Amino acid sequence: MPYKEKKVEKLYYSIGEVAEMFNVNTSLIRFWEKEFDIIKPHKNKKGNRLFTPKDIENFHLIFHLVKEKGMTLKGAQKKLKDNKEDTVNNFEVVSRLKDIRDLLIEVRDNMDS
């Protein structure tokens, strides 16, 4: 899995933390923020972006559509606009199946040891 999940959930994440989670540059985070209206970070007095856990979920959806499924930005925007609920459900199923696969591989590797 290309991104690292944080175990302790915070109220806000910096742009650097979000970029690290998805192993991308901060410039991509800023670009996606402009391209996708479901990303709405708060900004502090200095103008620093503060992303909520909901923003992280939305980034994960976008990451899945664009980076993992290879969709264009326009395609991903249309899919999220026209049918976000099905996209979320499909993503959750794929994510659970990946977790099950990882668990089975771990069990197999432990049996081989």
C-alpha atoms as a PDB file:
ATOM      1  CA  MET A   1       0.000   0.000   0.000  1.00  0.00           C
ATOM      2  CA  PRO A   2       1.605   3.300  -1.043  1.00  0.00           C
ATOM      3  CA  TYR A   3       0.419   5.357   1.854  1.00  0.00           C
ATOM      4  CA  LYS A   4       1.092   5.017   5.556  1.00  0.00           C
ATOM      5  CA  GLU A   5      -1.900   5.134   7.845  1.00  0.00           C
ATOM      6  CA  LYS A   6      -1.603   7.118  11.059  1.00  0.00           C
ATOM      7  CA  LYS A   7      -2.819   5.167  14.079  1.00  0.00           C
ATOM      8  CA  VAL A   8      -3.568   8.148  16.334  1.00  0.00           C
ATOM      9  CA  GLU A   9      -6.092  10.443  14.759  1.00  0.00           C
ATOM     10  CA  LYS A  10      -5.535  14.147  15.221  1.00  0.00           C
ATOM     11  CA  LEU A  11      -7.980  16.986  14.664  1.00  0.00           C
ATOM     12  CA  TYR A  12      -5.769  18.600  12.020  1.00  0.00           C
ATOM     13  CA  TYR A  13      -2.844  17.534   9.872  1.00  0.00           C
ATOM     14  CA  SER A  14      -0.272  19.793   8.220  1.00  0.00           C
ATOM     15  CA  ILE A  15       0.265  19.674   4.479  1.00  0.00           C
ATOM     16  CA  GLY A  16       3.616  17.969   5.109  1.00  0.00           C
ATOM     17  CA  GLU A  17       1.950  15.219   7.142  1.00  0.00           C
ATOM     18  CA  VAL A  18      -0.656  14.658   4.428  1.00  0.00           C
ATOM     19  CA  ALA A  19       2.017  14.525   1.726  1.00  0.00           C
ATOM     20  CA  GLU A  20       3.983  12.002   3.805  1.00  0.00           C
ATOM     21  CA  MET A  21       0.912   9.794   4.322  1.00  0.00           C
ATOM     22  CA  PHE A  22       0.467   9.454   0.573  1.00  0.00           C
ATOM     23  CA  ASN A  23       4.172   9.610  -0.321  1.00  0.00           C
ATOM     24  CA  VAL A  24       3.624  12.603  -2.632  1.00  0.00           C
ATOM     25  CA  ASN A  25       4.936  16.166  -2.834  1.00  0.00           C
ATOM     26  CA  THR A  26       3.130  18.982  -1.037  1.00  0.00           C
ATOM     27  CA  SER A  27       2.637  20.631  -4.429  1.00  0.00           C
ATOM     28  CA  LEU A  28       0.356  17.737  -5.446  1.00  0.00           C
ATOM     29  CA  ILE A  29      -1.685  18.235  -2.264  1.00  0.00           C
ATOM     30  CA  ARG A  30      -2.126  21.950  -3.088  1.00  0.00           C
ATOM     31  CA  PHE A  31      -2.979  21.102  -6.708  1.00  0.00           C
ATOM     32  CA  TRP A  32      -5.630  18.536  -5.737  1.00  0.00           C
ATOM     33  CA  GLU A  33      -7.064  21.006  -3.224  1.00  0.00           C
ATOM     34  CA  LYS A  34      -7.669  23.422  -6.126  1.00  0.00           C
ATOM     35  CA  GLU A  35      -9.011  20.733  -8.474  1.00  0.00           C
ATOM     36  CA  PHE A  36     -11.374  18.910  -6.076  1.00  0.00           C
ATOM     37  CA  ASP A  37     -13.977  20.858  -4.125  1.00  0.00           C
ATOM     38  CA  ILE A  38     -14.306  18.060  -1.547  1.00  0.00           C
ATOM     39  CA  ILE A  39     -10.938  19.146  -0.099  1.00  0.00           C
ATOM     40  CA  LYS A  40     -11.483  22.155   2.143  1.00  0.00           C
ATOM     41  CA  PRO A  41      -8.609  22.671   4.580  1.00  0.00           C
ATOM     42  CA  HIS A  42      -8.863  25.219   7.345  1.00  0.00           C
ATOM     43  CA  LYS A  43      -6.191  27.877   7.353  1.00  0.00           C
ATOM     44  CA  ASN A  44      -4.614  29.322  10.466  1.00  0.00           C
ATOM     45  CA  LYS A  45      -3.617  32.978  10.921  1.00  0.00           C
ATOM     46  CA  LYS A  46      -0.325  32.358   9.105  1.00  0.00           C
ATOM     47  CA  GLY A  47      -2.216  30.837   6.156  1.00  0.00           C
ATOM     48  CA  ASN A  48      -0.990  27.298   6.799  1.00  0.00           C
ATOM     49  CA  ARG A  49      -3.367  24.603   5.623  1.00  0.00           C
ATOM     50  CA  LEU A  50      -4.846  22.375   8.314  1.00  0.00           C
ATOM     51  CA  PHE A  51      -6.460  19.215   6.973  1.00  0.00           C
ATOM     52  CA  THR A  52      -9.167  17.334   8.875  1.00  0.00           C
ATOM     53  CA  PRO A  53      -9.550  13.530   8.998  1.00  0.00           C
ATOM     54  CA  LYS A  54     -12.432  13.988   6.502  1.00  0.00           C
ATOM     55  CA  ASP A  55     -10.036  15.767   4.124  1.00  0.00           C
ATOM     56  CA  ILE A  56      -7.645  12.806   4.515  1.00  0.00           C
ATOM     57  CA  GLU A  57     -10.464  10.382   3.610  1.00  0.00           C
ATOM     58  CA  ASN A  58     -11.234  12.479   0.535  1.00  0.00           C
ATOM     59  CA  PHE A  59      -7.554  12.575  -0.444  1.00  0.00           C
ATOM     60  CA  HIS A  60      -7.485   8.813  -0.096  1.00  0.00           C
ATOM     61  CA  LEU A  61     -10.440   8.545  -2.496  1.00  0.00           C
ATOM     62  CA  ILE A  62      -8.777  10.859  -4.998  1.00  0.00           C
ATOM     63  CA  PHE A  63      -5.462   9.013  -4.619  1.00  0.00           C
ATOM     64  CA  HIS A  64      -7.250   5.715  -5.259  1.00  0.00           C
ATOM     65  CA  LEU A  65      -8.988   6.979  -8.387  1.00  0.00           C
ATOM     66  CA  VAL A  66      -6.042   8.866  -9.894  1.00  0.00           C
ATOM     67  CA  LYS A  67      -2.932   7.004  -8.754  1.00  0.00           C
ATOM     68  CA  GLU A  68      -4.180   3.443  -8.228  1.00  0.00           C
ATOM     69  CA  LYS A  69      -6.906   3.209 -10.892  1.00  0.00           C
ATOM     70  CA  GLY A  70      -5.186   5.550 -13.354  1.00  0.00           C
ATOM     71  CA  MET A  71      -8.132   7.876 -13.922  1.00  0.00           C
ATOM     72  CA  THR A  72      -7.638  11.365 -15.296  1.00  0.00           C
ATOM     73  CA  LEU A  73      -8.381  14.292 -13.003  1.00  0.00           C
ATOM     74  CA  LYS A  74     -11.484  15.111 -15.055  1.00  0.00           C
ATOM     75  CA  GLY A  75     -12.626  11.476 -14.819  1.00  0.00           C
ATOM     76  CA  ALA A  76     -12.081  11.390 -11.067  1.00  0.00           C
ATOM     77  CA  GLN A  77     -13.882  14.730 -10.636  1.00  0.00           C
ATOM     78  CA  LYS A  78     -16.855  13.460 -12.648  1.00  0.00           C
ATOM     79  CA  LYS A  79     -16.985  10.154 -10.747  1.00  0.00           C
ATOM     80  CA  LEU A  80     -16.924  11.923  -7.380  1.00  0.00           C
ATOM     81  CA  LYS A  81     -19.523  14.469  -8.504  1.00  0.00           C
ATOM     82  CA  ASP A  82     -21.916  12.046 -10.177  1.00  0.00           C
ATOM     83  CA  ASN A  83     -21.667   9.049  -7.884  1.00  0.00           C
ATOM     84  CA  LYS A  84     -19.592   9.683  -4.766  1.00  0.00           C
ATOM     85  CA  GLU A  85     -21.482   7.183  -2.595  1.00  0.00           C
ATOM     86  CA  ASP A  86     -20.795   4.237  -4.927  1.00  0.00           C
ATOM     87  CA  THR A  87     -17.186   5.363  -5.306  1.00  0.00           C
ATOM     88  CA  VAL A  88     -16.762   5.420  -1.519  1.00  0.00           C
ATOM     89  CA  ASN A  89     -18.419   2.006  -1.119  1.00  0.00           C
ATOM     90  CA  ASN A  90     -16.301   0.477  -3.877  1.00  0.00           C
ATOM     91  CA  PHE A  91     -13.148   1.975  -2.382  1.00  0.00           C
ATOM     92  CA  GLU A  92     -14.003   0.601   1.082  1.00  0.00           C
ATOM     93  CA  VAL A  93     -14.541  -2.905  -0.348  1.00  0.00           C
ATOM     94  CA  VAL A  94     -11.227  -2.789  -2.233  1.00  0.00           C
ATOM     95  CA  SER A  95      -9.476  -1.504   0.885  1.00  0.00           C
ATOM     96  CA  ARG A  96     -10.914  -4.307   3.055  1.00  0.00           C
ATOM     97  CA  LEU A  97      -9.929  -6.918   0.470  1.00  0.00           C
ATOM     98  CA  LYS A  98      -6.356  -5.570   0.446  1.00  0.00           C
ATOM     99  CA  ASP A  99      -6.278  -5.804   4.257  1.00  0.00           C
ATOM    100  CA  ILE A 100      -7.535  -9.409   4.118  1.00  0.00           C
ATOM    101  CA  ARG A 101      -4.932 -10.246   1.461  1.00  0.00           C
ATOM    102  CA  ASP A 102      -2.161  -8.738   3.610  1.00  0.00           C
ATOM    103  CA  LEU A 103      -3.376 -10.715   6.630  1.00  0.00           C
ATOM    104  CA  LEU A 104      -3.438 -13.969   4.641  1.00  0.00           C
ATOM    105  CA  ILE A 105       0.086 -13.335   3.346  1.00  0.00           C
ATOM    106  CA  GLU A 106       1.240 -12.685   6.907  1.00  0.00           C
ATOM    107  CA  VAL A 107      -0.396 -15.932   8.115  1.00  0.00           C
ATOM    108  CA  ARG A 108       1.216 -17.859   5.231  1.00  0.00           C
ATOM    109  CA  ASP A 109       4.638 -16.355   5.963  1.00  0.00           C
ATOM    110  CA  ASN A 110       4.311 -17.224   9.664  1.00  0.00           C
ATOM    111  CA  MET A 111       3.382 -20.812   8.791  1.00  0.00           C
ATOM    112  CA  ASP A 112       6.459 -21.100   6.548  1.00  0.00           C
ATOM    113  CA  SER A 113       8.756 -19.945   9.378  1.00  0.00           C
END
